[in-house]
Amino acid sequence: QPLVFRRTPKLIRQSDPETYHLSLVVSGTGGGVWRHRETEYKPHD
């Protein structure tokens, strides 16, 4: 179900597996904010 995901500086200091994560969007939409970029996404992104 719809969620908000937050990866905070505190969580990064506590645990960082040093991975890249890629999400293939099958359905649903949304958006994200990073330190240097804000974007929206849709199916097939």
PDB file of all heavy atoms in Angstrom:
ATOM      1  N   GLN A   1       0.836  -1.191   0.000  1.00  0.00           N
ATOM      2  CA  GLN A   1       0.000   0.000   0.000  1.00  0.00           C
ATOM      3  C   GLN A   1       0.880   1.254   0.000  1.00  0.00           C
ATOM      4  O   GLN A   1       2.074   1.188   0.324  1.00  0.00           O
ATOM      5  CB  GLN A   1      -0.932  -0.033   1.212  1.00  0.00           C
ATOM      6  CG  GLN A   1      -2.022  -1.096   1.071  1.00  0.00           C
ATOM      7  CD  GLN A   1      -2.920  -1.173   2.289  1.00  0.00           C
ATOM      8  OE1 GLN A   1      -2.461  -1.523   3.366  1.00  0.00           O
ATOM      9  NE2 GLN A   1      -4.202  -0.865   2.116  1.00  0.00           N
ATOM     10  N   PRO A   2       0.315   2.389  -0.391  1.00  0.00           N
ATOM     11  CA  PRO A   2       1.112   3.621  -0.491  1.00  0.00           C
ATOM     12  C   PRO A   2       1.921   3.896   0.776  1.00  0.00           C
ATOM     13  O   PRO A   2       1.435   3.745   1.895  1.00  0.00           O
ATOM     14  CB  PRO A   2       0.056   4.697  -0.740  1.00  0.00           C
ATOM     15  CG  PRO A   2      -1.027   3.969  -1.477  1.00  0.00           C
ATOM     16  CD  PRO A   2      -1.074   2.601  -0.830  1.00  0.00           C
ATOM     17  N   LEU A   3       3.161   4.334   0.550  1.00  0.00           N
ATOM     18  CA  LEU A   3       4.115   4.536   1.635  1.00  0.00           C
ATOM     19  C   LEU A   3       4.924   5.808   1.409  1.00  0.00           C
ATOM     20  O   LEU A   3       5.059   6.294   0.284  1.00  0.00           O
ATOM     21  CB  LEU A   3       5.107   3.362   1.698  1.00  0.00           C
ATOM     22  CG  LEU A   3       4.680   2.047   2.338  1.00  0.00           C
ATOM     23  CD1 LEU A   3       5.701   0.972   1.997  1.00  0.00           C
ATOM     24  CD2 LEU A   3       4.583   2.206   3.846  1.00  0.00           C
ATOM     25  N   VAL A   4       5.525   6.285   2.493  1.00  0.00           N
ATOM     26  CA  VAL A   4       6.592   7.280   2.428  1.00  0.00           C
ATOM     27  C   VAL A   4       7.848   6.613   2.981  1.00  0.00           C
ATOM     28  O   VAL A   4       7.831   6.047   4.083  1.00  0.00           O
ATOM     29  CB  VAL A   4       6.246   8.539   3.253  1.00  0.00           C
ATOM     30  CG1 VAL A   4       7.442   9.489   3.288  1.00  0.00           C
ATOM     31  CG2 VAL A   4       5.020   9.233   2.668  1.00  0.00           C
ATOM     32  N   PHE A   5       8.934   6.650   2.195  1.00  0.00           N
ATOM     33  CA  PHE A   5      10.218   6.061   2.590  1.00  0.00           C
ATOM     34  C   PHE A   5      11.191   7.200   2.886  1.00  0.00           C
ATOM     35  O   PHE A   5      11.367   8.090   2.043  1.00  0.00           O
ATOM     36  CB  PHE A   5      10.818   5.216   1.460  1.00  0.00           C
ATOM     37  CG  PHE A   5       9.911   4.154   0.887  1.00  0.00           C
ATOM     38  CD1 PHE A   5       8.958   4.476  -0.073  1.00  0.00           C
ATOM     39  CD2 PHE A   5      10.038   2.837   1.280  1.00  0.00           C
ATOM     40  CE1 PHE A   5       8.146   3.504  -0.626  1.00  0.00           C
ATOM     41  CE2 PHE A   5       9.226   1.852   0.735  1.00  0.00           C
ATOM     42  CZ  PHE A   5       8.269   2.188  -0.218  1.00  0.00           C
ATOM     43  N   ARG A   6      11.837   7.139   4.047  1.00  0.00           N
ATOM     44  CA  ARG A   6      12.829   8.172   4.366  1.00  0.00           C
ATOM     45  C   ARG A   6      14.113   7.502   4.827  1.00  0.00           C
ATOM     46  O   ARG A   6      14.120   6.682   5.742  1.00  0.00           O
ATOM     47  CB  ARG A   6      12.325   9.116   5.453  1.00  0.00           C
ATOM     48  CG  ARG A   6      11.144   9.975   5.036  1.00  0.00           C
ATOM     49  CD  ARG A   6      10.883  11.068   6.054  1.00  0.00           C
ATOM     50  NE  ARG A   6      11.956  12.053   6.053  1.00  0.00           N
ATOM     51  CZ  ARG A   6      12.545  12.528   7.149  1.00  0.00           C
ATOM     52  NH1 ARG A   6      12.203  12.075   8.338  1.00  0.00           N
ATOM     53  NH2 ARG A   6      13.488  13.429   7.055  1.00  0.00           N
ATOM     54  N   ARG A   7      15.202   7.853   4.158  1.00  0.00           N
ATOM     55  CA  ARG A   7      16.547   7.414   4.558  1.00  0.00           C
ATOM     56  C   ARG A   7      17.230   8.657   5.109  1.00  0.00           C
ATOM     57  O   ARG A   7      17.587   9.575   4.364  1.00  0.00           O
ATOM     58  CB  ARG A   7      17.277   6.844   3.343  1.00  0.00           C
ATOM     59  CG  ARG A   7      18.699   6.364   3.617  1.00  0.00           C
ATOM     60  CD  ARG A   7      18.739   5.004   4.206  1.00  0.00           C
ATOM     61  NE  ARG A   7      20.123   4.524   4.268  1.00  0.00           N
ATOM     62  CZ  ARG A   7      20.615   3.820   5.257  1.00  0.00           C
ATOM     63  NH1 ARG A   7      19.853   3.477   6.279  1.00  0.00           N
ATOM     64  NH2 ARG A   7      21.860   3.406   5.237  1.00  0.00           N
ATOM     65  N   THR A   8      17.411   8.709   6.406  1.00  0.00           N
ATOM     66  CA  THR A   8      17.883   9.919   7.067  1.00  0.00           C
ATOM     67  C   THR A   8      19.387   9.850   7.335  1.00  0.00           C
ATOM     68  O   THR A   8      19.981   8.767   7.365  1.00  0.00           O
ATOM     69  CB  THR A   8      17.155  10.111   8.407  1.00  0.00           C
ATOM     70  OG1 THR A   8      17.523   9.034   9.288  1.00  0.00           O
ATOM     71  CG2 THR A   8      15.641  10.100   8.205  1.00  0.00           C
ATOM     72  N   PRO A   9      20.025  11.009   7.551  1.00  0.00           N
ATOM     73  CA  PRO A   9      21.444  10.998   7.908  1.00  0.00           C
ATOM     74  C   PRO A   9      21.734  10.145   9.142  1.00  0.00           C
ATOM     75  O   PRO A   9      22.765   9.461   9.213  1.00  0.00           O
ATOM     76  CB  PRO A   9      21.760  12.474   8.149  1.00  0.00           C
ATOM     77  CG  PRO A   9      20.771  13.209   7.290  1.00  0.00           C
ATOM     78  CD  PRO A   9      19.521  12.387   7.359  1.00  0.00           C
ATOM     79  N   LYS A  10      20.831  10.174  10.129  1.00  0.00           N
ATOM     80  CA  LYS A  10      21.032   9.373  11.334  1.00  0.00           C
ATOM     81  C   LYS A  10      21.043   7.883  11.008  1.00  0.00           C
ATOM     82  O   LYS A  10      21.911   7.138  11.495  1.00  0.00           O
ATOM     83  CB  LYS A  10      19.936   9.685  12.353  1.00  0.00           C
ATOM     84  CG  LYS A  10      20.068   8.893  13.656  1.00  0.00           C
ATOM     85  CD  LYS A  10      18.948   9.263  14.629  1.00  0.00           C
ATOM     86  CE  LYS A  10      19.068   8.439  15.918  1.00  0.00           C
ATOM     87  NZ  LYS A  10      17.975   8.789  16.874  1.00  0.00           N
ATOM     88  N   LEU A  11      20.106   7.437  10.180  1.00  0.00           N
ATOM     89  CA  LEU A  11      20.073   6.020   9.802  1.00  0.00           C
ATOM     90  C   LEU A  11      21.310   5.630   9.006  1.00  0.00           C
ATOM     91  O   LEU A  11      21.832   4.526   9.139  1.00  0.00           O
ATOM     92  CB  LEU A  11      18.803   5.726   8.996  1.00  0.00           C
ATOM     93  CG  LEU A  11      17.490   5.722   9.784  1.00  0.00           C
ATOM     94  CD1 LEU A  11      16.308   5.591   8.844  1.00  0.00           C
ATOM     95  CD2 LEU A  11      17.481   4.595  10.811  1.00  0.00           C
ATOM     96  N   ILE A  12      21.782   6.542   8.164  1.00  0.00           N
ATOM     97  CA  ILE A  12      22.987   6.256   7.375  1.00  0.00           C
ATOM     98  C   ILE A  12      24.190   6.088   8.291  1.00  0.00           C
ATOM     99  O   ILE A  12      25.013   5.185   8.099  1.00  0.00           O
ATOM    100  CB  ILE A  12      23.218   7.383   6.345  1.00  0.00           C
ATOM    101  CG1 ILE A  12      22.100   7.367   5.305  1.00  0.00           C
ATOM    102  CG2 ILE A  12      24.583   7.223   5.664  1.00  0.00           C
ATOM    103  CD1 ILE A  12      22.094   8.573   4.390  1.00  0.00           C
ATOM    104  N   ARG A  13      24.301   6.951   9.313  1.00  0.00           N
ATOM    105  CA  ARG A  13      25.417   6.823  10.257  1.00  0.00           C
ATOM    106  C   ARG A  13      25.326   5.510  11.035  1.00  0.00           C
ATOM    107  O   ARG A  13      26.351   4.884  11.329  1.00  0.00           O
ATOM    108  CB  ARG A  13      25.429   8.002  11.232  1.00  0.00           C
ATOM    109  CG  ARG A  13      25.825   9.332  10.606  1.00  0.00           C
ATOM    110  CD  ARG A  13      26.110  10.384  11.668  1.00  0.00           C
ATOM    111  NE  ARG A  13      24.943  10.653  12.516  1.00  0.00           N
ATOM    112  CZ  ARG A  13      24.035  11.588  12.237  1.00  0.00           C
ATOM    113  NH1 ARG A  13      24.157  12.335  11.145  1.00  0.00           N
ATOM    114  NH2 ARG A  13      23.012  11.790  13.049  1.00  0.00           N
ATOM    115  N   GLN A  14      24.129   5.080  11.330  1.00  0.00           N
ATOM    116  CA  GLN A  14      23.959   3.850  12.103  1.00  0.00           C
ATOM    117  C   GLN A  14      24.236   2.594  11.285  1.00  0.00           C
ATOM    118  O   GLN A  14      24.776   1.608  11.793  1.00  0.00           O
ATOM    119  CB  GLN A  14      22.528   3.803  12.661  1.00  0.00           C
ATOM    120  CG  GLN A  14      22.240   4.840  13.732  1.00  0.00           C
ATOM    121  CD  GLN A  14      20.781   4.838  14.152  1.00  0.00           C
ATOM    122  OE1 GLN A  14      19.920   4.236  13.495  1.00  0.00           O
ATOM    123  NE2 GLN A  14      20.477   5.500  15.259  1.00  0.00           N
ATOM    124  N   SER A  15      23.851   2.625  10.017  1.00  0.00           N
ATOM    125  CA  SER A  15      24.013   1.429   9.188  1.00  0.00           C
ATOM    126  C   SER A  15      23.982   1.810   7.714  1.00  0.00           C
ATOM    127  O   SER A  15      23.004   2.401   7.250  1.00  0.00           O
ATOM    128  CB  SER A  15      22.880   0.427   9.481  1.00  0.00           C
ATOM    129  OG  SER A  15      22.943  -0.676   8.600  1.00  0.00           O
ATOM    130  N   ASP A  16      25.061   1.485   7.007  1.00  0.00           N
ATOM    131  CA  ASP A  16      25.112   1.748   5.572  1.00  0.00           C
ATOM    132  C   ASP A  16      25.708   0.540   4.849  1.00  0.00           C
ATOM    133  O   ASP A  16      26.910   0.300   4.907  1.00  0.00           O
ATOM    134  CB  ASP A  16      25.944   2.993   5.267  1.00  0.00           C
ATOM    135  CG  ASP A  16      25.942   3.333   3.789  1.00  0.00           C
ATOM    136  OD1 ASP A  16      25.201   2.673   3.030  1.00  0.00           O
ATOM    137  OD2 ASP A  16      26.681   4.259   3.397  1.00  0.00           O
ATOM    138  N   PRO A  17      24.866  -0.244   4.159  1.00  0.00           N
ATOM    139  CA  PRO A  17      25.391  -1.399   3.418  1.00  0.00           C
ATOM    140  C   PRO A  17      26.138  -1.004   2.158  1.00  0.00           C
ATOM    141  O   PRO A  17      26.704  -1.864   1.477  1.00  0.00           O
ATOM    142  CB  PRO A  17      24.118  -2.184   3.072  1.00  0.00           C
ATOM    143  CG  PRO A  17      23.030  -1.170   3.064  1.00  0.00           C
ATOM    144  CD  PRO A  17      23.395  -0.169   4.117  1.00  0.00           C
ATOM    145  N   GLU A  18      26.154   0.299   1.825  1.00  0.00           N
ATOM    146  CA  GLU A  18      26.842   0.815   0.637  1.00  0.00           C
ATOM    147  C   GLU A  18      26.391   0.073  -0.616  1.00  0.00           C
ATOM    148  O   GLU A  18      27.172  -0.595  -1.289  1.00  0.00           O
ATOM    149  CB  GLU A  18      28.361   0.758   0.816  1.00  0.00           C
ATOM    150  CG  GLU A  18      28.859   1.647   1.933  1.00  0.00           C
ATOM    151  CD  GLU A  18      30.342   1.944   1.831  1.00  0.00           C
ATOM    152  OE1 GLU A  18      31.007   1.346   0.964  1.00  0.00           O
ATOM    153  OE2 GLU A  18      30.818   2.778   2.612  1.00  0.00           O
ATOM    154  N   THR A  19      25.122   0.225  -0.904  1.00  0.00           N
ATOM    155  CA  THR A  19      24.549  -0.392  -2.098  1.00  0.00           C
ATOM    156  C   THR A  19      23.845   0.668  -2.940  1.00  0.00           C
ATOM    157  O   THR A  19      23.428   1.718  -2.438  1.00  0.00           O
ATOM    158  CB  THR A  19      23.506  -1.467  -1.730  1.00  0.00           C
ATOM    159  OG1 THR A  19      22.486  -0.882  -0.924  1.00  0.00           O
ATOM    160  CG2 THR A  19      24.158  -2.621  -0.983  1.00  0.00           C
ATOM    161  N   TYR A  20      23.746   0.364  -4.218  1.00  0.00           N
ATOM    162  CA  TYR A  20      22.851   1.103  -5.091  1.00  0.00           C
ATOM    163  C   TYR A  20      21.551   0.325  -5.171  1.00  0.00           C
ATOM    164  O   TYR A  20      21.553  -0.906  -5.286  1.00  0.00           O
ATOM    165  CB  TYR A  20      23.442   1.267  -6.492  1.00  0.00           C
ATOM    166  CG  TYR A  20      24.595   2.234  -6.541  1.00  0.00           C
ATOM    167  CD1 TYR A  20      25.873   1.796  -6.863  1.00  0.00           C
ATOM    168  CD2 TYR A  20      24.406   3.592  -6.268  1.00  0.00           C
ATOM    169  CE1 TYR A  20      26.942   2.679  -6.901  1.00  0.00           C
ATOM    170  CE2 TYR A  20      25.472   4.486  -6.305  1.00  0.00           C
ATOM    171  CZ  TYR A  20      26.736   4.017  -6.627  1.00  0.00           C
ATOM    172  OH  TYR A  20      27.788   4.889  -6.650  1.00  0.00           O
ATOM    173  N   HIS A  21      20.446   1.062  -5.100  1.00  0.00           N
ATOM    174  CA  HIS A  21      19.134   0.435  -5.195  1.00  0.00           C
ATOM    175  C   HIS A  21      18.452   0.935  -6.458  1.00  0.00           C
ATOM    176  O   HIS A  21      18.409   2.145  -6.715  1.00  0.00           O
ATOM    177  CB  HIS A  21      18.277   0.791  -3.979  1.00  0.00           C
ATOM    178  CG  HIS A  21      16.836   0.432  -4.152  1.00  0.00           C
ATOM    179  ND1 HIS A  21      16.383  -0.861  -4.034  1.00  0.00           N
ATOM    180  CD2 HIS A  21      15.748   1.187  -4.480  1.00  0.00           C
ATOM    181  CE1 HIS A  21      15.077  -0.883  -4.264  1.00  0.00           C
ATOM    182  NE2 HIS A  21      14.671   0.352  -4.533  1.00  0.00           N
ATOM    183  N   LEU A  22      17.925   0.014  -7.253  1.00  0.00           N
ATOM    184  CA  LEU A  22      17.166   0.369  -8.442  1.00  0.00           C
ATOM    185  C   LEU A  22      15.759  -0.196  -8.299  1.00  0.00           C
ATOM    186  O   LEU A  22      15.592  -1.373  -7.951  1.00  0.00           O
ATOM    187  CB  LEU A  22      17.810  -0.193  -9.711  1.00  0.00           C
ATOM    188  CG  LEU A  22      19.149   0.425 -10.132  1.00  0.00           C
ATOM    189  CD1 LEU A  22      20.311  -0.238  -9.402  1.00  0.00           C
ATOM    190  CD2 LEU A  22      19.351   0.300 -11.634  1.00  0.00           C
ATOM    191  N   SER A  23      14.770   0.622  -8.548  1.00  0.00           N
ATOM    192  CA  SER A  23      13.374   0.192  -8.494  1.00  0.00           C
ATOM    193  C   SER A  23      12.780   0.274  -9.893  1.00  0.00           C
ATOM    194  O   SER A  23      12.726   1.362 -10.484  1.00  0.00           O
ATOM    195  CB  SER A  23      12.557   1.087  -7.562  1.00  0.00           C
ATOM    196  OG  SER A  23      12.889   0.878  -6.218  1.00  0.00           O
ATOM    197  N   LEU A  24      12.362  -0.873 -10.413  1.00  0.00           N
ATOM    198  CA  LEU A  24      11.604  -0.904 -11.656  1.00  0.00           C
ATOM    199  C   LEU A  24      10.133  -0.738 -11.273  1.00  0.00           C
ATOM    200  O   LEU A  24       9.563  -1.601 -10.600  1.00  0.00           O
ATOM    201  CB  LEU A  24      11.832  -2.221 -12.393  1.00  0.00           C
ATOM    202  CG  LEU A  24      10.891  -2.517 -13.564  1.00  0.00           C
ATOM    203  CD1 LEU A  24      10.999  -1.441 -14.634  1.00  0.00           C
ATOM    204  CD2 LEU A  24      11.204  -3.892 -14.151  1.00  0.00           C
ATOM    205  N   VAL A  25       9.521   0.363 -11.679  1.00  0.00           N
ATOM    206  CA  VAL A  25       8.141   0.663 -11.310  1.00  0.00           C
ATOM    207  C   VAL A  25       7.209  -0.120 -12.233  1.00  0.00           C
ATOM    208  O   VAL A  25       7.147   0.139 -13.434  1.00  0.00           O
ATOM    209  CB  VAL A  25       7.854   2.166 -11.394  1.00  0.00           C
ATOM    210  CG1 VAL A  25       6.426   2.459 -10.937  1.00  0.00           C
ATOM    211  CG2 VAL A  25       8.857   2.946 -10.551  1.00  0.00           C
ATOM    212  N   VAL A  26       6.502  -1.079 -11.654  1.00  0.00           N
ATOM    213  CA  VAL A  26       5.552  -1.881 -12.425  1.00  0.00           C
ATOM    214  C   VAL A  26       4.189  -1.199 -12.442  1.00  0.00           C
ATOM    215  O   VAL A  26       3.525  -1.117 -13.474  1.00  0.00           O
ATOM    216  CB  VAL A  26       5.439  -3.295 -11.837  1.00  0.00           C
ATOM    217  CG1 VAL A  26       4.423  -4.124 -12.607  1.00  0.00           C
ATOM    218  CG2 VAL A  26       6.798  -3.987 -11.843  1.00  0.00           C
ATOM    219  N   SER A  27       3.766  -0.692 -11.299  1.00  0.00           N
ATOM    220  CA  SER A  27       2.511   0.061 -11.217  1.00  0.00           C
ATOM    221  C   SER A  27       2.625   1.075 -10.093  1.00  0.00           C
ATOM    222  O   SER A  27       3.483   0.969  -9.222  1.00  0.00           O
ATOM    223  CB  SER A  27       1.322  -0.876 -10.981  1.00  0.00           C
ATOM    224  OG  SER A  27       1.412  -1.513  -9.708  1.00  0.00           O
ATOM    225  N   GLY A  28       1.734   2.051 -10.120  1.00  0.00           N
ATOM    226  CA  GLY A  28       1.797   3.117  -9.139  1.00  0.00           C
ATOM    227  C   GLY A  28       2.649   4.278  -9.629  1.00  0.00           C
ATOM    228  O   GLY A  28       3.357   4.182 -10.637  1.00  0.00           O
ATOM    229  N   THR A  29       2.572   5.380  -8.918  1.00  0.00           N
ATOM    230  CA  THR A  29       3.352   6.571  -9.249  1.00  0.00           C
ATOM    231  C   THR A  29       3.932   7.127  -7.958  1.00  0.00           C
ATOM    232  O   THR A  29       3.691   6.606  -6.870  1.00  0.00           O
ATOM    233  CB  THR A  29       2.475   7.646  -9.921  1.00  0.00           C
ATOM    234  OG1 THR A  29       1.389   7.976  -9.037  1.00  0.00           O
ATOM    235  CG2 THR A  29       1.912   7.140 -11.246  1.00  0.00           C
ATOM    236  N   GLY A  30       4.686   8.196  -8.091  1.00  0.00           N
ATOM    237  CA  GLY A  30       5.249   8.809  -6.895  1.00  0.00           C
ATOM    238  C   GLY A  30       6.326   9.814  -7.231  1.00  0.00           C
ATOM    239  O   GLY A  30       6.424  10.294  -8.369  1.00  0.00           O
ATOM    240  N   GLY A  31       7.124  10.121  -6.231  1.00  0.00           N
ATOM    241  CA  GLY A  31       8.200  11.078  -6.427  1.00  0.00           C
ATOM    242  C   GLY A  31       9.230  10.933  -5.333  1.00  0.00           C
ATOM    243  O   GLY A  31       9.034  10.212  -4.348  1.00  0.00           O
ATOM    244  N   GLY A  32      10.346  11.595  -5.528  1.00  0.00           N
ATOM    245  CA  GLY A  32      11.412  11.514  -4.546  1.00  0.00           C
ATOM    246  C   GLY A  32      12.234  12.784  -4.504  1.00  0.00           C
ATOM    247  O   GLY A  32      12.302  13.543  -5.479  1.00  0.00           O
ATOM    248  N   VAL A  33      12.845  13.012  -3.348  1.00  0.00           N
ATOM    249  CA  VAL A  33      13.716  14.167  -3.156  1.00  0.00           C
ATOM    250  C   VAL A  33      15.056  13.664  -2.633  1.00  0.00           C
ATOM    251  O   VAL A  33      15.111  12.942  -1.630  1.00  0.00           O
ATOM    252  CB  VAL A  33      13.111  15.174  -2.158  1.00  0.00           C
ATOM    253  CG1 VAL A  33      14.062  16.352  -1.955  1.00  0.00           C
ATOM    254  CG2 VAL A  33      11.755  15.662  -2.650  1.00  0.00           C
ATOM    255  N   TRP A  34      16.129  14.035  -3.338  1.00  0.00           N
ATOM    256  CA  TRP A  34      17.488  13.758  -2.889  1.00  0.00           C
ATOM    257  C   TRP A  34      18.180  15.091  -2.633  1.00  0.00           C
ATOM    258  O   TRP A  34      17.628  16.153  -2.939  1.00  0.00           O
ATOM    259  CB  TRP A  34      18.242  12.960  -3.948  1.00  0.00           C
ATOM    260  CG  TRP A  34      17.803  11.535  -4.039  1.00  0.00           C
ATOM    261  CD1 TRP A  34      18.382  10.430  -3.488  1.00  0.00           C
ATOM    262  CD2 TRP A  34      16.643  11.048  -4.725  1.00  0.00           C
ATOM    263  NE1 TRP A  34      17.667   9.303  -3.781  1.00  0.00           N
ATOM    264  CE2 TRP A  34      16.591   9.643  -4.532  1.00  0.00           C
ATOM    265  CE3 TRP A  34      15.633  11.649  -5.467  1.00  0.00           C
ATOM    266  CZ2 TRP A  34      15.587   8.854  -5.065  1.00  0.00           C
ATOM    267  CZ3 TRP A  34      14.637  10.863  -6.004  1.00  0.00           C
ATOM    268  CH2 TRP A  34      14.613   9.480  -5.796  1.00  0.00           C
ATOM    269  N   ARG A  35      19.355  15.029  -2.145  1.00  0.00           N
ATOM    270  CA  ARG A  35      20.078  16.260  -1.810  1.00  0.00           C
ATOM    271  C   ARG A  35      20.257  17.154  -3.032  1.00  0.00           C
ATOM    272  O   ARG A  35      20.215  18.382  -2.937  1.00  0.00           O
ATOM    273  CB  ARG A  35      21.446  15.894  -1.227  1.00  0.00           C
ATOM    274  CG  ARG A  35      22.271  17.053  -0.698  1.00  0.00           C
ATOM    275  CD  ARG A  35      23.472  16.528   0.041  1.00  0.00           C
ATOM    276  NE  ARG A  35      24.245  15.598  -0.802  1.00  0.00           N
ATOM    277  CZ  ARG A  35      25.075  14.672  -0.307  1.00  0.00           C
ATOM    278  NH1 ARG A  35      25.215  14.537   1.006  1.00  0.00           N
ATOM    279  NH2 ARG A  35      25.739  13.877  -1.119  1.00  0.00           N
ATOM    280  N   HIS A  36      20.408  16.549  -4.191  1.00  0.00           N
ATOM    281  CA  HIS A  36      20.738  17.305  -5.392  1.00  0.00           C
ATOM    282  C   HIS A  36      19.651  17.239  -6.463  1.00  0.00           C
ATOM    283  O   HIS A  36      19.803  17.831  -7.535  1.00  0.00           O
ATOM    284  CB  HIS A  36      22.030  16.762  -5.997  1.00  0.00           C
ATOM    285  CG  HIS A  36      21.937  15.315  -6.400  1.00  0.00           C
ATOM    286  ND1 HIS A  36      21.593  14.324  -5.511  1.00  0.00           N
ATOM    287  CD2 HIS A  36      22.085  14.707  -7.594  1.00  0.00           C
ATOM    288  CE1 HIS A  36      21.576  13.156  -6.141  1.00  0.00           C
ATOM    289  NE2 HIS A  36      21.859  13.361  -7.406  1.00  0.00           N
ATOM    290  N   ARG A  37      18.540  16.524  -6.190  1.00  0.00           N
ATOM    291  CA  ARG A  37      17.570  16.324  -7.263  1.00  0.00           C
ATOM    292  C   ARG A  37      16.197  16.010  -6.702  1.00  0.00           C
ATOM    293  O   ARG A  37      16.066  15.359  -5.669  1.00  0.00           O
ATOM    294  CB  ARG A  37      18.043  15.178  -8.169  1.00  0.00           C
ATOM    295  CG  ARG A  37      17.101  14.872  -9.326  1.00  0.00           C
ATOM    296  CD  ARG A  37      17.698  13.808 -10.244  1.00  0.00           C
ATOM    297  NE  ARG A  37      18.787  14.379 -11.025  1.00  0.00           N
ATOM    298  CZ  ARG A  37      20.028  13.901 -11.041  1.00  0.00           C
ATOM    299  NH1 ARG A  37      20.332  12.862 -10.292  1.00  0.00           N
ATOM    300  NH2 ARG A  37      20.954  14.462 -11.783  1.00  0.00           N
ATOM    301  N   GLU A  38      15.179  16.479  -7.403  1.00  0.00           N
ATOM    302  CA  GLU A  38      13.796  16.116  -7.104  1.00  0.00           C
ATOM    303  C   GLU A  38      13.186  15.568  -8.383  1.00  0.00           C
ATOM    304  O   GLU A  38      13.376  16.134  -9.471  1.00  0.00           O
ATOM    305  CB  GLU A  38      13.016  17.339  -6.620  1.00  0.00           C
ATOM    306  CG  GLU A  38      11.574  17.029  -6.264  1.00  0.00           C
ATOM    307  CD  GLU A  38      10.864  18.203  -5.625  1.00  0.00           C
ATOM    308  OE1 GLU A  38      11.552  19.217  -5.327  1.00  0.00           O
ATOM    309  OE2 GLU A  38       9.643  18.114  -5.427  1.00  0.00           O
ATOM    310  N   THR A  39      12.466  14.461  -8.284  1.00  0.00           N
ATOM    311  CA  THR A  39      11.949  13.833  -9.497  1.00  0.00           C
ATOM    312  C   THR A  39      10.624  13.141  -9.226  1.00  0.00           C
ATOM    313  O   THR A  39      10.273  12.857  -8.077  1.00  0.00           O
ATOM    314  CB  THR A  39      12.966  12.806 -10.046  1.00  0.00           C
ATOM    315  OG1 THR A  39      12.546  12.359 -11.331  1.00  0.00           O
ATOM    316  CG2 THR A  39      13.076  11.594  -9.112  1.00  0.00           C
ATOM    317  N   GLU A  40       9.889  12.875 -10.291  1.00  0.00           N
ATOM    318  CA  GLU A  40       8.677  12.079 -10.231  1.00  0.00           C
ATOM    319  C   GLU A  40       8.893  10.798 -11.042  1.00  0.00           C
ATOM    320  O   GLU A  40       9.744  10.761 -11.931  1.00  0.00           O
ATOM    321  CB  GLU A  40       7.480  12.864 -10.792  1.00  0.00           C
ATOM    322  CG  GLU A  40       7.128  14.089  -9.969  1.00  0.00           C
ATOM    323  CD  GLU A  40       5.916  14.821 -10.523  1.00  0.00           C
ATOM    324  OE1 GLU A  40       5.465  14.465 -11.643  1.00  0.00           O
ATOM    325  OE2 GLU A  40       5.419  15.731  -9.847  1.00  0.00           O
ATOM    326  N   TYR A  41       8.132   9.776 -10.710  1.00  0.00           N
ATOM    327  CA  TYR A  41       8.269   8.531 -11.465  1.00  0.00           C
ATOM    328  C   TYR A  41       6.897   7.941 -11.756  1.00  0.00           C
ATOM    329  O   TYR A  41       5.906   8.279 -11.118  1.00  0.00           O
ATOM    330  CB  TYR A  41       9.155   7.528 -10.725  1.00  0.00           C
ATOM    331  CG  TYR A  41       8.648   7.107  -9.368  1.00  0.00           C
ATOM    332  CD1 TYR A  41       7.732   6.063  -9.228  1.00  0.00           C
ATOM    333  CD2 TYR A  41       9.093   7.733  -8.206  1.00  0.00           C
ATOM    334  CE1 TYR A  41       7.274   5.664  -7.987  1.00  0.00           C
ATOM    335  CE2 TYR A  41       8.635   7.343  -6.950  1.00  0.00           C
ATOM    336  CZ  TYR A  41       7.729   6.312  -6.858  1.00  0.00           C
ATOM    337  OH  TYR A  41       7.264   5.921  -5.624  1.00  0.00           O
ATOM    338  N   LYS A  42       6.874   7.055 -12.738  1.00  0.00           N
ATOM    339  CA  LYS A  42       5.632   6.450 -13.224  1.00  0.00           C
ATOM    340  C   LYS A  42       5.942   5.035 -13.677  1.00  0.00           C
ATOM    341  O   LYS A  42       7.123   4.629 -13.724  1.00  0.00           O
ATOM    342  CB  LYS A  42       5.072   7.278 -14.378  1.00  0.00           C
ATOM    343  CG  LYS A  42       6.016   7.386 -15.563  1.00  0.00           C
ATOM    344  CD  LYS A  42       5.505   8.346 -16.602  1.00  0.00           C
ATOM    345  CE  LYS A  42       6.427   8.413 -17.805  1.00  0.00           C
ATOM    346  NZ  LYS A  42       7.805   8.768 -17.481  1.00  0.00           N
ATOM    347  N   PRO A  43       4.927   4.234 -14.023  1.00  0.00           N
ATOM    348  CA  PRO A  43       5.191   2.869 -14.495  1.00  0.00           C
ATOM    349  C   PRO A  43       6.172   2.847 -15.659  1.00  0.00           C
ATOM    350  O   PRO A  43       6.164   3.727 -16.520  1.00  0.00           O
ATOM    351  CB  PRO A  43       3.798   2.375 -14.914  1.00  0.00           C
ATOM    352  CG  PRO A  43       2.866   3.112 -14.011  1.00  0.00           C
ATOM    353  CD  PRO A  43       3.474   4.477 -13.864  1.00  0.00           C
ATOM    354  N   HIS A  44       7.034   1.848 -15.637  1.00  0.00           N
ATOM    355  CA  HIS A  44       8.081   1.613 -16.637  1.00  0.00           C
ATOM    356  C   HIS A  44       9.323   2.464 -16.414  1.00  0.00           C
ATOM    357  O   HIS A  44      10.256   2.391 -17.203  1.00  0.00           O
ATOM    358  CB  HIS A  44       7.576   1.790 -18.076  1.00  0.00           C
ATOM    359  CG  HIS A  44       6.330   1.028 -18.387  1.00  0.00           C
ATOM    360  ND1 HIS A  44       6.280  -0.349 -18.322  1.00  0.00           N
ATOM    361  CD2 HIS A  44       5.095   1.443 -18.742  1.00  0.00           C
ATOM    362  CE1 HIS A  44       5.052  -0.745 -18.630  1.00  0.00           C
ATOM    363  NE2 HIS A  44       4.317   0.315 -18.887  1.00  0.00           N
ATOM    364  N   ASP A  45       9.339   3.272 -15.342  1.00  0.00           N
ATOM    365  CA  ASP A  45      10.566   3.986 -14.994  1.00  0.00           C
ATOM    366  C   ASP A  45      11.452   3.094 -14.119  1.00  0.00           C
ATOM    367  O   ASP A  45      10.963   2.224 -13.396  1.00  0.00           O
ATOM    368  CB  ASP A  45      10.252   5.265 -14.206  1.00  0.00           C
ATOM    369  CG  ASP A  45       9.812   6.408 -15.101  1.00  0.00           C
ATOM    370  OD1 ASP A  45       9.979   6.295 -16.329  1.00  0.00           O
ATOM    371  OD2 ASP A  45       9.299   7.407 -14.573  1.00  0.00           O
TER     372      ASP A  45
END
